[in-house]
Amino acid sequence: MTLVDSHLDALHTRLGHESTRWSTAKTDREREARRVTVAGIEREIQSELKFLGFGTLTPAELAMTDAELLAELAA
């Protein structure tokens, strides 16, 4: 795993953790704070991917599993 891969992996892991925290937030204020955090991480991932030359991916594309990605590439 390269430094780039590990950075993207860390961002995706953080996104998963923050998304879980968002879904379990108990107050409107906490939900809004988590929503802002998740949006920021998503922007950071998009920025990193653009920097690496991958262009802009949709949230659905970012959420694809390896199997889904391989099936899409094979189509």
Protein backbone atom coordinates (compact mmCIF):
# COMPACT_ATOMS: atom_id res chain seq x y z
CA MET A 1 0.00 0.00 0.00
CA THR A 2 1.38 3.38 -0.97
CA LEU A 3 1.15 6.58 1.00
CA VAL A 4 -1.58 7.80 -1.38
CA ASP A 5 -3.58 4.60 -0.92
CA SER A 6 -3.24 4.75 2.84
CA HIS A 7 -4.35 8.40 2.88
CA LEU A 8 -7.44 7.65 0.81
CA ASP A 9 -8.12 4.59 2.95
CA ALA A 10 -7.87 6.71 6.08
CA LEU A 11 -10.27 9.28 4.61
CA HIS A 12 -12.78 6.57 3.71
CA THR A 13 -12.47 5.03 7.17
CA ARG A 14 -13.02 8.42 8.78
CA LEU A 15 -16.01 9.02 6.50
CA GLY A 16 -17.52 5.72 7.62
CA HIS A 17 -17.00 6.54 11.29
CA GLU A 18 -18.44 10.05 10.97
CA SER A 19 -21.41 8.76 8.95
CA THR A 20 -22.16 6.31 11.73
CA ARG A 21 -21.89 9.05 14.33
CA TRP A 22 -24.21 11.21 12.21
CA SER A 23 -26.81 8.44 12.01
CA THR A 24 -26.75 7.97 15.78
CA ALA A 25 -26.71 11.66 16.73
CA LYS A 26 -29.26 12.48 19.38
CA THR A 27 -29.83 16.23 18.96
CA ASP A 28 -30.45 18.50 15.98
CA ARG A 29 -27.28 20.43 16.81
CA GLU A 30 -25.19 17.26 16.84
CA ARG A 31 -26.80 16.01 13.60
CA GLU A 32 -25.97 19.31 11.88
CA ALA A 33 -22.39 19.23 13.14
CA ARG A 34 -21.96 15.64 11.91
CA ARG A 35 -23.54 16.53 8.53
CA VAL A 36 -21.04 19.35 8.07
CA THR A 37 -18.16 17.04 9.05
CA VAL A 38 -19.27 14.33 6.60
CA ALA A 39 -19.64 16.88 3.79
CA GLY A 40 -16.13 18.15 4.52
CA ILE A 41 -14.63 14.67 4.38
CA GLU A 42 -16.46 13.97 1.11
CA ARG A 43 -15.01 17.21 -0.34
CA GLU A 44 -11.54 16.20 0.86
CA ILE A 45 -11.88 12.81 -0.85
CA GLN A 46 -13.06 14.47 -4.07
CA SER A 47 -10.14 16.90 -3.92
CA GLU A 48 -7.64 14.10 -3.36
CA LEU A 49 -9.08 12.07 -6.24
CA LYS A 50 -9.01 15.10 -8.54
CA PHE A 51 -5.40 15.78 -7.54
CA LEU A 52 -4.56 12.18 -8.42
CA GLY A 53 -6.21 12.55 -11.84
CA PHE A 54 -9.34 10.50 -11.20
CA GLY A 55 -11.77 13.35 -11.87
CA THR A 56 -14.95 13.87 -9.93
CA LEU A 57 -16.78 10.81 -8.66
CA THR A 58 -20.33 10.75 -7.40
CA PRO A 59 -21.08 9.64 -3.82
CA ALA A 60 -22.59 6.45 -5.30
CA GLU A 61 -19.36 5.74 -7.16
CA LEU A 62 -17.33 6.40 -4.02
CA ALA A 63 -19.51 3.93 -2.11
CA MET A 64 -19.10 1.09 -4.64
CA THR A 65 -17.73 -2.16 -3.33
CA ASP A 66 -14.87 -3.88 -5.14
CA ALA A 67 -17.31 -6.39 -6.64
CA GLU A 68 -19.61 -3.63 -7.90
CA LEU A 69 -16.66 -1.75 -9.38
CA LEU A 70 -15.39 -4.84 -11.17
CA ALA A 71 -18.87 -5.59 -12.53
CA GLU A 72 -19.16 -2.00 -13.79
CA LEU A 73 -15.77 -2.18 -15.45
CA ALA A 74 -16.64 -5.50 -17.10
CA ALA A 75 -19.86 -4.08 -18.60
